[in-house]
Protein backbone atom coordinates (compact mmCIF):
# COMPACT_ATOMS: atom_id res chain seq x y z
CA MET A 1 -5.67 15.29 23.89
CA ALA A 2 -9.56 16.26 23.15
CA ASN A 3 -11.84 14.28 26.24
CA ILE A 4 -13.65 11.17 25.69
CA ARG A 5 -16.83 12.60 24.19
CA THR A 6 -14.85 14.32 21.47
CA ILE A 7 -12.90 11.21 20.65
CA GLU A 8 -16.44 9.22 20.76
CA ARG A 9 -18.08 11.46 18.37
CA ILE A 10 -15.14 11.30 15.80
CA LEU A 11 -15.07 7.71 15.80
CA GLY A 12 -18.88 7.93 15.38
CA ARG A 13 -18.05 9.58 11.70
CA PHE A 14 -16.14 6.99 10.88
CA CYS A 15 -18.85 5.06 9.06
CA LYS A 16 -19.75 8.18 6.77
CA ARG A 17 -16.55 8.68 5.29
CA ARG A 18 -15.56 7.96 1.75
CA ILE A 19 -11.45 6.85 1.09
CA LEU A 20 -9.85 5.84 -2.29
CA VAL A 21 -7.01 3.76 -1.74
CA ILE A 22 -4.39 3.50 -4.77
CA GLY A 23 -1.27 1.39 -4.56
CA GLU A 24 0.27 -1.73 -4.30
CA ILE A 25 -1.77 -5.06 -2.91
CA MET A 26 -0.34 -8.09 -1.67
CA LEU A 27 -1.25 -11.65 -0.32
CA ASP A 28 0.26 -12.08 2.74
CA LYS A 29 0.20 -15.62 3.77
CA PHE A 30 0.93 -17.02 7.41
CA ILE A 31 2.33 -20.42 7.97
CA LYS A 32 1.90 -21.28 11.76
CA GLY A 33 2.85 -24.27 14.06
CA SER A 34 5.65 -25.16 16.52
CA VAL A 35 9.38 -26.25 16.90
CA SER A 36 10.45 -29.13 18.85
CA ARG A 37 13.76 -30.14 17.32
CA ILE A 38 16.22 -29.06 14.72
CA SER A 39 16.51 -30.13 11.47
CA PRO A 40 19.35 -32.70 10.90
CA GLU A 41 19.78 -31.62 7.20
CA ALA A 42 20.88 -27.93 8.54
CA PRO A 43 21.02 -25.96 11.56
CA VAL A 44 17.22 -24.67 11.18
CA PRO A 45 14.39 -25.56 13.32
CA VAL A 46 11.88 -27.72 11.75
CA VAL A 47 7.99 -26.34 12.32
CA LYS A 48 5.07 -28.57 12.30
CA VAL A 49 2.49 -27.01 10.26
CA LYS A 50 -0.64 -26.65 12.27
CA GLU A 51 -2.50 -23.66 10.64
CA GLU A 52 -2.72 -21.89 7.05
CA SER A 53 -4.68 -18.56 6.29
CA GLU A 54 -4.23 -15.54 3.95
CA ILE A 55 -5.13 -11.89 3.95
CA LEU A 56 -4.73 -8.61 2.63
CA GLY A 57 -1.35 -7.15 2.72
CA GLY A 58 0.14 -3.42 1.19
CA ALA A 59 -2.37 -1.25 -0.38
CA GLY A 60 -5.24 -4.15 0.40
CA ASN A 61 -4.30 -3.97 4.23
CA VAL A 62 -5.02 -0.14 4.43
CA ALA A 63 -8.37 -0.74 2.45
CA ASN A 64 -8.91 -3.45 4.80
CA ASN A 65 -7.97 -1.44 8.15
CA LEU A 66 -10.04 1.42 6.95
CA ARG A 67 -13.06 -1.24 6.00
CA GLU A 68 -13.12 -2.31 9.80
CA LEU A 69 -13.32 1.09 10.97
CA GLY A 70 -16.03 1.57 9.09
CA ALA A 71 -15.45 3.57 6.22
CA GLU A 72 -16.31 3.20 2.54
CA VAL A 73 -13.48 2.13 0.56
CA SER A 74 -12.43 2.18 -3.37
CA LEU A 75 -9.10 0.13 -3.84
CA VAL A 76 -7.11 0.85 -7.20
CA THR A 77 -4.36 -1.66 -7.36
CA PHE A 78 -2.46 -4.06 -9.93
CA THR A 79 -2.15 -7.70 -9.56
CA GLY A 80 -0.92 -10.68 -11.90
CA ASN A 81 -3.25 -13.56 -13.72
CA ASP A 82 -2.73 -15.99 -10.87
CA ILE A 83 -4.09 -17.90 -8.40
CA SER A 84 -2.67 -15.41 -5.64
CA ALA A 85 -5.06 -12.71 -7.64
CA LYS A 86 -7.98 -14.97 -7.51
CA HIS A 87 -7.51 -15.38 -3.91
CA ILE A 88 -7.09 -11.42 -3.18
CA ILE A 89 -10.55 -11.24 -5.23
CA GLU A 90 -12.31 -13.48 -2.97
CA ILE A 91 -11.15 -12.08 0.47
CA CYS A 92 -11.58 -8.41 -0.62
CA LYS A 93 -15.35 -9.74 -1.27
CA GLU A 94 -15.82 -11.45 2.21
CA LYS A 95 -14.73 -7.79 3.48
CA GLY A 96 -16.89 -5.88 1.80
CA ILE A 97 -14.35 -4.30 -0.31
CA SER A 98 -14.96 -3.12 -3.94
CA THR A 99 -12.97 -5.16 -6.38
CA GLU A 100 -13.83 -3.23 -9.45
CA ASN A 101 -10.91 -1.19 -9.80
CA ILE A 102 -8.35 -4.08 -8.77
CA LEU A 103 -6.74 -4.18 -12.20
CA SER A 104 -4.55 -7.23 -13.26
CA THR A 105 -1.62 -7.45 -16.20
CA PRO A 106 -0.24 -10.75 -17.52
CA ARG A 107 3.32 -9.03 -17.29
CA THR A 108 3.69 -9.23 -13.93
CA ARG A 109 2.73 -11.83 -11.14
CA THR A 110 0.97 -10.92 -7.60
CA ILE A 111 3.22 -9.58 -4.84
CA GLU A 112 3.00 -12.35 -1.93
CA LYS A 113 4.68 -12.21 1.36
CA THR A 114 4.88 -15.60 3.48
CA ARG A 115 5.53 -15.50 6.92
CA ILE A 116 6.63 -18.65 8.61
CA ILE A 117 5.55 -18.25 12.71
CA ALA A 118 6.35 -21.09 15.13
CA GLU A 119 5.97 -20.60 19.18
CA HIS A 120 4.68 -16.70 18.50
CA GLN A 121 7.38 -16.05 16.96
CA GLN A 122 8.00 -15.19 13.34
CA VAL A 123 11.15 -17.92 12.02
CA VAL A 124 11.55 -16.55 8.16
CA ARG A 125 9.69 -14.45 6.12
CA PHE A 126 10.03 -15.28 2.13
CA ASP A 127 8.57 -12.78 -0.86
CA THR A 128 7.68 -13.38 -4.30
CA ASP A 129 7.90 -9.99 -5.79
CA PRO A 130 6.59 -8.39 -8.71
CA VAL A 131 8.66 -8.39 -12.35
CA ASN A 132 8.29 -5.56 -14.31
CA LEU A 133 5.01 -4.23 -12.66
CA LYS A 134 6.20 -0.47 -14.16
CA LEU A 135 2.87 0.43 -15.58
CA THR A 136 1.89 1.40 -19.40
CA PHE A 137 0.42 4.94 -20.10
CA GLU A 138 -2.79 3.14 -20.67
CA GLU A 139 -2.61 1.80 -17.36
CA ASN A 140 -1.52 5.44 -15.63
CA SER A 141 -4.41 7.24 -17.95
CA ARG A 142 -6.96 4.55 -16.29
CA ILE A 143 -5.78 5.31 -13.13
CA LEU A 144 -6.59 9.22 -13.03
CA LYS A 145 -9.74 8.06 -14.96
CA ILE A 146 -10.91 6.20 -11.96
CA LEU A 147 -9.60 9.19 -9.55
CA GLU A 148 -11.57 11.61 -11.25
CA GLN A 149 -14.59 9.44 -11.09
CA LYS A 150 -14.38 9.24 -7.61
CA ILE A 151 -13.62 12.79 -7.07
CA CYS A 152 -17.13 13.39 -8.64
CA GLU A 153 -18.50 10.84 -6.51
CA ARG A 154 -17.17 13.08 -3.34
CA VAL A 155 -14.99 11.09 -2.08
CA ASP A 156 -13.20 12.28 1.19
CA ALA A 157 -9.77 11.63 0.83
CA VAL A 158 -7.13 9.82 -1.50
CA LEU A 159 -4.79 7.45 0.49
CA LEU A 160 -1.47 6.88 -1.44
CA SER A 161 0.19 3.44 -0.51
CA ASP A 162 3.67 3.48 -1.77
CA TYR A 163 5.56 -0.37 -0.83
CA GLY A 164 8.54 0.28 -3.91
CA LYS A 165 7.30 -2.55 -6.46
CA GLY A 166 7.06 -0.65 -8.96
CA MET A 167 3.44 0.77 -9.59
CA PHE A 168 4.35 4.62 -8.71
CA SER A 169 6.05 6.49 -11.36
CA PRO A 170 7.48 10.19 -10.97
CA PHE A 171 4.63 11.07 -13.70
CA LEU A 172 1.35 9.24 -11.58
CA ILE A 173 2.89 10.64 -8.42
CA SER A 174 2.49 14.23 -9.73
CA GLU A 175 -0.83 13.65 -11.11
CA ILE A 176 -2.60 12.03 -8.96
CA ILE A 177 -1.26 14.77 -6.53
CA LYS A 178 -2.46 17.67 -9.39
CA THR A 179 -6.23 16.24 -10.05
CA ALA A 180 -6.61 15.61 -6.12
CA GLY A 181 -5.46 19.23 -5.85
CA LYS A 182 -7.96 20.77 -7.81
CA SER A 183 -11.08 19.58 -6.37
CA SER A 184 -9.07 20.38 -2.71
CA ILE A 185 -9.60 16.35 -1.70
CA PRO A 186 -6.42 15.60 0.97
CA VAL A 187 -3.70 13.28 -0.20
CA TYR A 188 -2.26 11.08 2.07
CA VAL A 189 1.31 8.79 1.54
CA ASP A 190 2.60 5.85 3.10
CA PRO A 191 6.10 6.38 1.02
CA LYS A 192 9.37 4.59 -0.06
CA ALA A 193 12.40 6.19 0.42
CA GLU A 194 12.92 6.05 -3.58
CA HIS A 195 9.90 8.71 -4.25
CA PHE A 196 10.09 10.90 -1.02
CA LYS A 197 11.13 13.92 -2.59
CA ARG A 198 8.25 13.57 -5.24
CA TYR A 199 5.29 13.72 -2.71
CA LYS A 200 5.25 17.55 -2.60
CA ARG A 201 2.49 19.65 -1.31
CA VAL A 202 0.38 16.59 0.20
CA THR A 203 -1.63 16.98 3.15
CA CYS A 204 0.45 14.16 4.87
CA VAL A 205 3.26 12.19 4.65
CA THR A 206 3.81 9.16 7.07
CA PRO A 207 7.20 7.80 7.04
CA ASN A 208 8.95 5.72 9.72
CA ILE A 209 11.74 6.85 11.01
CA THR A 210 14.24 5.10 8.77
CA GLU A 211 12.35 6.41 5.63
CA ALA A 212 12.20 9.70 6.71
CA PHE A 213 16.07 9.98 6.98
CA SER A 214 16.76 7.45 4.05
CA GLY A 215 13.99 9.65 1.84
CA MET A 216 15.99 12.70 2.68
CA HIS A 217 19.65 11.02 1.84
CA LEU A 218 20.49 11.59 5.67
CA PRO A 219 21.73 9.10 7.90
CA ILE A 220 19.78 7.69 10.49
CA LYS A 221 19.21 9.35 14.20
CA HIS A 222 17.55 8.53 17.12
CA THR A 223 17.56 11.76 19.35
CA GLN A 224 14.32 13.27 19.80
CA SER A 225 16.26 16.77 18.45
CA GLU A 226 17.28 15.40 15.60
CA VAL A 227 13.91 13.46 14.14
CA GLU A 228 12.35 17.12 15.18
CA LYS A 229 15.37 18.80 13.08
CA LEU A 230 14.64 16.43 10.13
CA GLY A 231 10.81 16.92 10.20
CA ILE A 232 10.90 20.54 10.22
CA LYS A 233 13.14 19.97 6.90
CA ILE A 234 10.97 17.62 5.45
CA VAL A 235 7.97 19.74 6.02
CA LYS A 236 9.81 22.89 4.35
CA SER A 237 11.34 20.78 1.92
CA LEU A 238 8.32 19.41 0.58
CA ALA A 239 5.98 22.00 1.36
CA LEU A 240 3.49 19.61 3.18
CA LYS A 241 0.19 20.30 5.29
CA SER A 242 1.82 18.12 7.97
CA LEU A 243 4.07 15.15 8.57
CA LEU A 244 3.90 12.11 10.84
CA ILE A 245 6.68 10.22 11.89
CA THR A 246 6.48 7.10 13.61
CA GLN A 247 9.30 5.77 15.56
CA GLY A 248 8.08 2.20 16.86
CA GLU A 249 8.38 2.01 20.67
CA ASN A 250 9.15 5.88 20.88
CA GLY A 251 5.82 6.68 19.67
CA MET A 252 5.13 9.60 16.89
CA THR A 253 6.30 13.22 16.49
CA LEU A 254 3.71 15.28 14.41
CA PHE A 255 4.60 18.22 12.16
CA VAL A 256 1.79 20.81 11.37
CA ARG A 257 2.23 23.76 8.94
CA ASP A 258 0.00 26.83 9.74
CA LYS A 259 1.49 29.58 6.90
CA GLN A 260 5.32 30.26 7.94
CA LYS A 261 5.07 28.45 11.41
CA ILE A 262 5.23 25.04 11.93
CA SER A 263 4.16 23.20 15.22
CA VAL A 264 6.03 19.79 16.58
CA LYS A 265 4.25 17.42 18.83
CA HIS A 266 5.59 14.30 20.25
CA ILE A 267 2.96 11.49 21.23
CA SER A 268 4.65 8.81 23.52
CA ALA A 269 3.83 5.01 22.50
CA LYS A 270 0.64 3.69 24.07
CA ALA A 271 1.49 0.25 23.15
CA LYS A 272 0.98 -2.09 26.02
CA GLU A 273 2.56 -4.76 24.96
CA VAL A 274 4.19 -5.82 21.36
CA TYR A 275 3.98 -8.88 19.51
CA ASP A 276 4.36 -8.31 16.09
CA VAL A 277 4.90 -4.61 14.31
CA THR A 278 3.66 -6.10 11.05
CA GLY A 279 1.09 -3.70 9.06
CA ALA A 280 1.03 -1.20 11.52
CA GLY A 281 1.98 1.53 9.59
CA ASP A 282 -1.11 0.92 7.30
CA THR A 283 -2.95 1.44 10.53
CA VAL A 284 -1.57 4.59 11.40
CA ILE A 285 -2.10 6.15 7.99
CA SER A 286 -5.66 4.70 7.92
CA VAL A 287 -6.83 5.90 11.11
CA PHE A 288 -5.17 9.30 10.82
CA ALA A 289 -6.82 9.92 7.61
CA LEU A 290 -10.08 8.92 8.81
CA SER A 291 -9.92 11.00 11.84
CA LEU A 292 -9.24 14.10 9.47
CA ALA A 293 -11.66 13.24 7.40
CA ALA A 294 -14.37 12.77 10.58
CA LYS A 295 -13.11 16.62 11.39
CA ALA A 296 -10.72 15.84 14.14
CA SER A 297 -8.04 18.49 14.60
CA PHE A 298 -4.69 17.29 13.42
CA ALA A 299 -3.46 16.54 17.31
CA ASP A 300 -6.31 14.26 18.02
CA ALA A 301 -6.16 12.18 14.59
CA ALA A 302 -2.32 11.57 15.80
CA PHE A 303 -3.39 10.31 19.38
CA ILE A 304 -5.93 7.89 17.89
CA ALA A 305 -4.05 6.70 15.36
CA ASN A 306 -1.05 6.22 18.24
CA CYS A 307 -3.88 4.68 19.99
CA ALA A 308 -5.01 2.33 17.33
CA ALA A 309 -1.15 1.17 16.46
CA GLY A 310 -0.97 0.41 20.04
CA ILE A 311 -3.61 -1.85 19.49
CA VAL A 312 -2.44 -3.82 16.52
CA VAL A 313 1.13 -4.16 17.57
CA GLY A 314 -0.52 -5.85 20.64
CA LYS A 315 -1.78 -8.70 18.19
CA LEU A 316 0.29 -11.55 15.96
CA GLY A 317 0.18 -10.74 12.52
CA THR A 318 -1.32 -8.21 9.92
CA ALA A 319 -3.84 -6.63 11.92
CA THR A 320 -6.88 -4.35 12.19
CA THR A 321 -9.21 -2.74 14.95
CA SER A 322 -12.50 -1.12 15.28
CA PRO A 323 -13.77 2.41 16.54
CA THR A 324 -15.22 0.50 19.57
CA GLU A 325 -11.87 -1.02 20.37
CA ILE A 326 -9.87 2.00 19.90
CA LEU A 327 -12.35 3.91 22.29
CA ASN A 328 -12.11 1.40 25.13
CA TYR A 329 -8.23 1.28 24.84
CA ILE A 330 -8.04 5.08 25.20
CA LYS A 331 -10.35 4.81 28.33
CA ASN A 332 -7.80 2.36 29.63
CA VAL A 333 -4.60 4.25 28.79
C-alpha cells in the first residue's frame, strides 16, 4: 500500500476526472418498516411501513458513486416511457448527473427493484425486469455516436455496467471496445456471465467470484489457490490488462498483466461491519477506475476500492461514499 499522502493525492484528483458510464439503469425502491406479528393469511411477517424511498440502481448507482466521489459523469442508458423513468430523471438532476443521454423506448418498461426492509433486515425483494430491451441498429448507432462525442471531449475512462437485462449485444460490446481502443481510452467492465468472454482486451473486468467462475463455465470454488488459477486463466483468455475478482468477506484478488507476466495480489476485506452488500460491486468498479484515472497504480487503486467497499457494506441499502470518508477510513484500518 502507498503511504497516506500518496492516497490523499490520488483522492484529491478524483474531482478532475471525466467518466462515461454505459449500462442498464434501474430504479431501486426501499420500503422500510417494523414487524410485530405474523400475518393470519399466510406464515409471513406483516411489515408496518414507516418510510419509502427511491434511488438510482444499476448503471445509475455506478454514476451516482462516481458523482459522489467528485467525478464529472456522463450516463448512457435506456428506460421505458413510464413513471419510473420520470423518477430516474428527477433523481439524476438532483444528483448533478446529466440526463441528456438517458434514452427511452416505448418497447419496454423501466427496470425496478423493490426491497422490503424490517428491523434492518431485507425481508423480500421483487423485481420488474424489462420486456424486449434488445436495442435496434439505430439505437446501437446512437450509443456509439455518443461514445465518439465523449472521446472527442477527452473522457478519461469508459465504464460498462452490464446487468444482463438486454441492453448489451455482442455487436455493441465489440464496437464500444474497438472505438475506445482506437483512442487509447481505458474500458472497465462489471460483467454478467452470459457476455463474459466478449470483454476481450479491456483494461479491467471486475466480476465477483460467482460471475468469474460462471463466465468461464466452471464450477465455483472458493479456495484462494483456485481463485488465483482461475484469474490467470481469465487474463490470458481475454487478453486483459487487469482483472479484479471480488470475494465478499474474503476480500478481493488483483491480477495485472505486464507483457507475458501476470502478477497476483490478494487484498483482505476491510469491512468493520457488514449490514448490506447491495451495490458494493458498483462502488468497487467506480473507485477502482477513478483511482487509475487519477494516476494510481493498479495495487493502490485496488486497495482504495477495497476500503470503499468496506464502507458501503456497513451502510443499509444501495450506498455511496466520498473521498473524505475513504481517507478517514484508511487512516483507521
